[in-house]
Amino acid sequence: MKINMDEVIQRLLLSDLSNHKISRDTGVTRSVILRLRNGKQSIDNMTYGNIKKLYNYQYEKEKQRKYN
């Protein structure tokens, strides 16, 4: 099964979680999250570190939901 990091991050950005909560939990700045959500920045233009943080955060959330 191929994992598409962009799709996983997109699910996070479309979630009901606030920019503040995502930022606090991941260390990615609120301004980056806001620009992503507003379409002013693309995932392709993010640093690998931020991509990894957002991906891992959403992946863990989805894994927890699956097992609860």
Protein backbone atom coordinates (compact mmCIF):
# COMPACT_ATOMS: atom_id res chain seq x y z
CA MET A 1 0.00 0.00 0.00
CA LYS A 2 1.43 3.34 -1.05
CA ILE A 3 1.15 6.12 1.52
CA ASN A 4 0.64 9.55 0.04
CA MET A 5 2.01 12.08 2.52
CA ASP A 6 0.19 14.95 0.79
CA GLU A 7 -3.18 13.25 1.28
CA VAL A 8 -2.51 12.58 4.96
CA ILE A 9 -1.46 16.19 5.56
CA GLN A 10 -4.46 17.44 3.58
CA ARG A 11 -6.79 15.49 5.88
CA LEU A 12 -5.17 17.26 8.83
CA LEU A 13 -5.59 20.67 7.20
CA LEU A 14 -9.27 19.94 6.48
CA SER A 15 -9.92 18.79 10.05
CA ASP A 16 -11.67 20.77 12.76
CA LEU A 17 -8.45 21.16 14.76
CA SER A 18 -7.44 24.77 15.30
CA ASN A 19 -4.24 26.22 13.88
CA HIS A 20 -3.12 26.85 17.45
CA LYS A 21 -3.60 23.21 18.52
CA ILE A 22 -1.81 21.82 15.47
CA SER A 23 1.02 24.29 15.96
CA ARG A 24 1.34 23.57 19.67
CA ASP A 25 1.30 19.81 19.15
CA THR A 26 3.65 19.70 16.14
CA GLY A 27 5.96 22.69 16.47
CA VAL A 28 4.97 23.95 13.00
CA THR A 29 4.21 27.67 13.20
CA ARG A 30 0.60 28.83 13.07
CA SER A 31 1.43 31.08 10.14
CA VAL A 32 2.59 28.09 8.06
CA ILE A 33 -0.56 26.17 8.92
CA LEU A 34 -2.74 29.19 8.11
CA ARG A 35 -1.00 29.71 4.73
CA LEU A 36 -1.50 26.03 3.90
CA ARG A 37 -5.17 26.16 4.83
CA ASN A 38 -5.72 29.38 2.86
CA GLY A 39 -3.91 28.02 -0.20
CA LYS A 40 -1.18 30.66 -0.04
CA GLN A 41 1.47 27.97 0.43
CA SER A 42 1.59 24.45 -0.95
CA ILE A 43 2.81 21.32 0.74
CA ASP A 44 5.43 21.08 -2.03
CA ASN A 45 7.01 24.32 -0.78
CA MET A 46 7.32 23.21 2.85
CA THR A 47 10.51 22.08 4.52
CA TYR A 48 10.90 18.34 4.90
CA GLY A 49 10.94 18.77 8.67
CA ASN A 50 7.51 20.43 8.69
CA ILE A 51 6.09 17.86 6.27
CA LYS A 52 7.32 15.09 8.53
CA LYS A 53 5.87 16.72 11.67
CA LEU A 54 2.42 17.26 10.15
CA TYR A 55 2.35 13.82 8.53
CA ASN A 56 3.36 12.01 11.71
CA TYR A 57 0.85 13.99 13.77
CA GLN A 58 -2.07 13.11 11.50
CA TYR A 59 -0.89 9.53 11.04
CA GLU A 60 -0.85 8.99 14.82
CA LYS A 61 -4.31 10.56 15.17
CA GLU A 62 -5.72 8.25 12.51
CA LYS A 63 -4.00 5.22 14.04
CA GLN A 64 -5.50 6.05 17.46
CA ARG A 65 -8.99 6.35 15.94
CA LYS A 66 -8.56 3.02 14.21
CA TYR A 67 -7.72 1.20 17.43
CA ASN A 68 -10.27 2.93 19.69
